[in-house]
Amino acid sequence: MVRSSDTLESQLLTLPPADRARLAELLLASLDSDLDAGPATAIEDAWREEATTRRLAP
């Protein structure tokens, strides 16, 4: 059964604080893993390489 995000949100907000905290941690971790695989990683790698190049330049 598919629920709208508003319905899901209101149901989740009725959970005890400890359960909400655990879900928040899981959701944040999932965002971090999405970022690790995305274009942000390529940009960070490019900046890291540029910084290394500049540091080693005379």
PDB file of N, CA and C in Angstrom:
ATOM      1  N   MET A   1       0.843  -1.177   0.000  1.00  0.00           N
ATOM      2  CA  MET A   1       0.000   0.000   0.000  1.00  0.00           C
ATOM      3  C   MET A   1       0.891   1.245   0.000  1.00  0.00           C
ATOM      4  N   VAL A   2       0.663   2.126  -0.938  1.00  0.00           N
ATOM      5  CA  VAL A   2       1.436   3.347  -1.052  1.00  0.00           C
ATOM      6  C   VAL A   2       0.741   4.448  -0.262  1.00  0.00           C
ATOM      7  N   ARG A   3       1.533   5.162   0.548  1.00  0.00           N
ATOM      8  CA  ARG A   3       0.989   6.253   1.354  1.00  0.00           C
ATOM      9  C   ARG A   3       1.577   7.562   0.876  1.00  0.00           C
ATOM     10  N   SER A   4       0.814   8.605   1.048  1.00  0.00           N
ATOM     11  CA  SER A   4       1.356   9.910   0.705  1.00  0.00           C
ATOM     12  C   SER A   4       2.388  10.287   1.752  1.00  0.00           C
ATOM     13  N   SER A   5       3.308  11.165   1.393  1.00  0.00           N
ATOM     14  CA  SER A   5       4.352  11.565   2.332  1.00  0.00           C
ATOM     15  C   SER A   5       3.765  12.282   3.540  1.00  0.00           C
ATOM     16  N   ASP A   6       2.672  13.014   3.365  1.00  0.00           N
ATOM     17  CA  ASP A   6       2.037  13.692   4.498  1.00  0.00           C
ATOM     18  C   ASP A   6       1.479  12.695   5.502  1.00  0.00           C
ATOM     19  N   THR A   7       0.850  11.646   4.996  1.00  0.00           N
ATOM     20  CA  THR A   7       0.299  10.620   5.877  1.00  0.00           C
ATOM     21  C   THR A   7       1.422   9.896   6.608  1.00  0.00           C
ATOM     22  N   LEU A   8       2.444   9.540   5.883  1.00  0.00           N
ATOM     23  CA  LEU A   8       3.581   8.861   6.485  1.00  0.00           C
ATOM     24  C   LEU A   8       4.241   9.745   7.539  1.00  0.00           C
ATOM     25  N   GLU A   9       4.413  11.017   7.208  1.00  0.00           N
ATOM     26  CA  GLU A   9       5.026  11.961   8.146  1.00  0.00           C
ATOM     27  C   GLU A   9       4.227  12.056   9.439  1.00  0.00           C
ATOM     28  N   SER A  10       2.924  12.178   9.335  1.00  0.00           N
ATOM     29  CA  SER A  10       2.110  12.311  10.547  1.00  0.00           C
ATOM     30  C   SER A  10       2.153  11.037  11.381  1.00  0.00           C
ATOM     31  N   GLN A  11       2.244   9.892  10.735  1.00  0.00           N
ATOM     32  CA  GLN A  11       2.340   8.633  11.478  1.00  0.00           C
ATOM     33  C   GLN A  11       3.700   8.503  12.155  1.00  0.00           C
ATOM     34  N   LEU A  12       4.752   8.893  11.451  1.00  0.00           N
ATOM     35  CA  LEU A  12       6.084   8.787  12.030  1.00  0.00           C
ATOM     36  C   LEU A  12       6.259   9.711  13.231  1.00  0.00           C
ATOM     37  N   LEU A  13       5.605  10.865  13.190  1.00  0.00           N
ATOM     38  CA  LEU A  13       5.721  11.809  14.295  1.00  0.00           C
ATOM     39  C   LEU A  13       5.039  11.324  15.569  1.00  0.00           C
ATOM     40  N   THR A  14       4.220  10.288  15.464  1.00  0.00           N
ATOM     41  CA  THR A  14       3.587   9.726  16.659  1.00  0.00           C
ATOM     42  C   THR A  14       4.474   8.676  17.335  1.00  0.00           C
ATOM     43  N   LEU A  15       5.569   8.301  16.699  1.00  0.00           N
ATOM     44  CA  LEU A  15       6.486   7.313  17.282  1.00  0.00           C
ATOM     45  C   LEU A  15       7.181   7.900  18.510  1.00  0.00           C
ATOM     46  N   PRO A  16       7.628   7.035  19.407  1.00  0.00           N
ATOM     47  CA  PRO A  16       8.405   7.506  20.554  1.00  0.00           C
ATOM     48  C   PRO A  16       9.703   8.172  20.089  1.00  0.00           C
ATOM     49  N   PRO A  17      10.228   9.094  20.883  1.00  0.00           N
ATOM     50  CA  PRO A  17      11.444   9.824  20.496  1.00  0.00           C
ATOM     51  C   PRO A  17      12.618   8.922  20.110  1.00  0.00           C
ATOM     52  N   ALA A  18      12.831   7.849  20.819  1.00  0.00           N
ATOM     53  CA  ALA A  18      13.959   6.961  20.505  1.00  0.00           C
ATOM     54  C   ALA A  18      13.809   6.353  19.110  1.00  0.00           C
ATOM     55  N   ASP A  19      12.598   5.964  18.756  1.00  0.00           N
ATOM     56  CA  ASP A  19      12.357   5.400  17.425  1.00  0.00           C
ATOM     57  C   ASP A  19      12.535   6.451  16.333  1.00  0.00           C
ATOM     58  N   ARG A  20      12.059   7.665  16.603  1.00  0.00           N
ATOM     59  CA  ARG A  20      12.238   8.751  15.626  1.00  0.00           C
ATOM     60  C   ARG A  20      13.713   9.071  15.443  1.00  0.00           C
ATOM     61  N   ALA A  21      14.476   9.052  16.530  1.00  0.00           N
ATOM     62  CA  ALA A  21      15.916   9.324  16.436  1.00  0.00           C
ATOM     63  C   ALA A  21      16.612   8.248  15.611  1.00  0.00           C
ATOM     64  N   ARG A  22      16.240   6.993  15.827  1.00  0.00           N
ATOM     65  CA  ARG A  22      16.851   5.900  15.062  1.00  0.00           C
ATOM     66  C   ARG A  22      16.527   6.044  13.577  1.00  0.00           C
ATOM     67  N   LEU A  23      15.285   6.378  13.264  1.00  0.00           N
ATOM     68  CA  LEU A  23      14.906   6.583  11.861  1.00  0.00           C
ATOM     69  C   LEU A  23      15.640   7.770  11.252  1.00  0.00           C
ATOM     70  N   ALA A  24      15.795   8.835  12.024  1.00  0.00           N
ATOM     71  CA  ALA A  24      16.520  10.006  11.530  1.00  0.00           C
ATOM     72  C   ALA A  24      17.962   9.640  11.202  1.00  0.00           C
ATOM     73  N   GLU A  25      18.591   8.865  12.066  1.00  0.00           N
ATOM     74  CA  GLU A  25      19.969   8.438  11.807  1.00  0.00           C
ATOM     75  C   GLU A  25      20.057   7.593  10.546  1.00  0.00           C
ATOM     76  N   LEU A  26      19.106   6.692  10.363  1.00  0.00           N
ATOM     77  CA  LEU A  26      19.091   5.851   9.166  1.00  0.00           C
ATOM     78  C   LEU A  26      18.907   6.689   7.899  1.00  0.00           C
ATOM     79  N   LEU A  27      17.994   7.655   7.967  1.00  0.00           N
ATOM     80  CA  LEU A  27      17.750   8.507   6.798  1.00  0.00           C
ATOM     81  C   LEU A  27      18.970   9.363   6.467  1.00  0.00           C
ATOM     82  N   LEU A  28      19.599   9.928   7.493  1.00  0.00           N
ATOM     83  CA  LEU A  28      20.794  10.742   7.258  1.00  0.00           C
ATOM     84  C   LEU A  28      21.931   9.894   6.692  1.00  0.00           C
ATOM     85  N   ALA A  29      22.085   8.696   7.208  1.00  0.00           N
ATOM     86  CA  ALA A  29      23.122   7.802   6.681  1.00  0.00           C
ATOM     87  C   ALA A  29      22.849   7.447   5.226  1.00  0.00           C
ATOM     88  N   SER A  30      21.573   7.303   4.875  1.00  0.00           N
ATOM     89  CA  SER A  30      21.252   6.983   3.482  1.00  0.00           C
ATOM     90  C   SER A  30      21.581   8.153   2.566  1.00  0.00           C
ATOM     91  N   LEU A  31      21.417   9.377   3.062  1.00  0.00           N
ATOM     92  CA  LEU A  31      21.793  10.550   2.267  1.00  0.00           C
ATOM     93  C   LEU A  31      23.295  10.606   2.077  1.00  0.00           C
ATOM     94  N   ASP A  32      24.042  10.296   3.125  1.00  0.00           N
ATOM     95  CA  ASP A  32      25.496  10.284   3.027  1.00  0.00           C
ATOM     96  C   ASP A  32      25.966   9.270   1.991  1.00  0.00           C
ATOM     97  N   SER A  33      25.363   8.092   1.978  1.00  0.00           N
ATOM     98  CA  SER A  33      25.780   7.080   1.013  1.00  0.00           C
ATOM     99  C   SER A  33      25.407   7.493  -0.404  1.00  0.00           C
ATOM    100  N   ASP A  34      24.287   8.207  -0.561  1.00  0.00           N
ATOM    101  CA  ASP A  34      23.917   8.716  -1.880  1.00  0.00           C
ATOM    102  C   ASP A  34      24.941   9.737  -2.363  1.00  0.00           C
ATOM    103  N   LEU A  35      25.399  10.583  -1.464  1.00  0.00           N
ATOM    104  CA  LEU A  35      26.385  11.600  -1.837  1.00  0.00           C
ATOM    105  C   LEU A  35      27.728  10.977  -2.172  1.00  0.00           C
ATOM    106  N   ASP A  36      28.094   9.897  -1.472  1.00  0.00           N
ATOM    107  CA  ASP A  36      29.368   9.236  -1.732  1.00  0.00           C
ATOM    108  C   ASP A  36      29.438   8.682  -3.143  1.00  0.00           C
ATOM    109  N   ALA A  37      28.298   8.353  -3.707  1.00  0.00           N
ATOM    110  CA  ALA A  37      28.282   7.756  -5.030  1.00  0.00           C
ATOM    111  C   ALA A  37      27.960   8.764  -6.126  1.00  0.00           C
ATOM    112  N   GLY A  38      27.728  10.008  -5.760  1.00  0.00           N
ATOM    113  CA  GLY A  38      27.260  10.965  -6.744  1.00  0.00           C
ATOM    114  C   GLY A  38      28.320  11.900  -7.259  1.00  0.00           C
ATOM    115  N   PRO A  39      27.886  12.919  -7.992  1.00  0.00           N
ATOM    116  CA  PRO A  39      28.811  13.865  -8.610  1.00  0.00           C
ATOM    117  C   PRO A  39      29.623  14.668  -7.598  1.00  0.00           C
ATOM    118  N   ALA A  40      29.121  14.807  -6.383  1.00  0.00           N
ATOM    119  CA  ALA A  40      29.879  15.554  -5.369  1.00  0.00           C
ATOM    120  C   ALA A  40      31.226  14.895  -5.110  1.00  0.00           C
ATOM    121  N   THR A  41      31.264  13.576  -5.147  1.00  0.00           N
ATOM    122  CA  THR A  41      32.518  12.861  -4.928  1.00  0.00           C
ATOM    123  C   THR A  41      33.519  13.187  -6.028  1.00  0.00           C
ATOM    124  N   ALA A  42      33.061  13.241  -7.263  1.00  0.00           N
ATOM    125  CA  ALA A  42      33.949  13.573  -8.379  1.00  0.00           C
ATOM    126  C   ALA A  42      34.502  14.986  -8.220  1.00  0.00           C
ATOM    127  N   ILE A  43      33.666  15.901  -7.776  1.00  0.00           N
ATOM    128  CA  ILE A  43      34.105  17.286  -7.574  1.00  0.00           C
ATOM    129  C   ILE A  43      35.125  17.358  -6.443  1.00  0.00           C
ATOM    130  N   GLU A  44      34.846  16.652  -5.351  1.00  0.00           N
ATOM    131  CA  GLU A  44      35.784  16.629  -4.232  1.00  0.00           C
ATOM    132  C   GLU A  44      37.118  16.029  -4.655  1.00  0.00           C
ATOM    133  N   ASP A  45      37.073  14.968  -5.443  1.00  0.00           N
ATOM    134  CA  ASP A  45      38.311  14.347  -5.931  1.00  0.00           C
ATOM    135  C   ASP A  45      39.105  15.313  -6.805  1.00  0.00           C
ATOM    136  N   ALA A  46      38.407  16.050  -7.651  1.00  0.00           N
ATOM    137  CA  ALA A  46      39.082  17.015  -8.522  1.00  0.00           C
ATOM    138  C   ALA A  46      39.737  18.121  -7.698  1.00  0.00           C
ATOM    139  N   TRP A  47      39.044  18.611  -6.678  1.00  0.00           N
ATOM    140  CA  TRP A  47      39.629  19.658  -5.825  1.00  0.00           C
ATOM    141  C   TRP A  47      40.818  19.120  -5.038  1.00  0.00           C
ATOM    142  N   ARG A  48      40.717  17.877  -4.568  1.00  0.00           N
ATOM    143  CA  ARG A  48      41.821  17.265  -3.837  1.00  0.00           C
ATOM    144  C   ARG A  48      43.055  17.161  -4.733  1.00  0.00           C
ATOM    145  N   GLU A  49      42.839  16.747  -5.969  1.00  0.00           N
ATOM    146  CA  GLU A  49      43.942  16.640  -6.922  1.00  0.00           C
ATOM    147  C   GLU A  49      44.544  18.018  -7.205  1.00  0.00           C
ATOM    148  N   GLU A  50      43.700  19.018  -7.378  1.00  0.00           N
ATOM    149  CA  GLU A  50      44.174  20.383  -7.626  1.00  0.00           C
ATOM    150  C   GLU A  50      44.977  20.902  -6.434  1.00  0.00           C
ATOM    151  N   ALA A  51      44.505  20.639  -5.237  1.00  0.00           N
ATOM    152  CA  ALA A  51      45.222  21.083  -4.039  1.00  0.00           C
ATOM    153  C   ALA A  51      46.585  20.422  -3.946  1.00  0.00           C
ATOM    154  N   THR A  52      46.638  19.143  -4.275  1.00  0.00           N
ATOM    155  CA  THR A  52      47.920  18.431  -4.253  1.00  0.00           C
ATOM    156  C   THR A  52      48.861  19.009  -5.281  1.00  0.00           C
ATOM    157  N   THR A  53      48.354  19.291  -6.475  1.00  0.00           N
ATOM    158  CA  THR A  53      49.169  19.876  -7.532  1.00  0.00           C
ATOM    159  C   THR A  53      49.735  21.231  -7.091  1.00  0.00           C
ATOM    160  N   ARG A  54      48.897  22.053  -6.522  1.00  0.00           N
ATOM    161  CA  ARG A  54      49.345  23.385  -6.078  1.00  0.00           C
ATOM    162  C   ARG A  54      50.350  23.297  -4.941  1.00  0.00           C
ATOM    163  N   ARG A  55      50.140  22.334  -4.051  1.00  0.00           N
ATOM    164  CA  ARG A  55      51.046  22.187  -2.920  1.00  0.00           C
ATOM    165  C   ARG A  55      52.432  21.742  -3.400  1.00  0.00           C
ATOM    166  N   LEU A  56      52.470  20.904  -4.419  1.00  0.00           N
ATOM    167  CA  LEU A  56      53.740  20.382  -4.910  1.00  0.00           C
ATOM    168  C   LEU A  56      54.419  21.319  -5.896  1.00  0.00           C
ATOM    169  N   ALA A  57      53.680  22.322  -6.395  1.00  0.00           N
ATOM    170  CA  ALA A  57      54.257  23.271  -7.354  1.00  0.00           C
ATOM    171  C   ALA A  57      55.312  24.152  -6.667  1.00  0.00           C
ATOM    172  N   PRO A  58      56.391  24.478  -7.411  1.00  0.00           N
ATOM    173  CA  PRO A  58      57.458  25.308  -6.824  1.00  0.00           C
ATOM    174  C   PRO A  58      57.025  26.748  -6.582  1.00  0.00           C
TER     175      PRO A  58
END
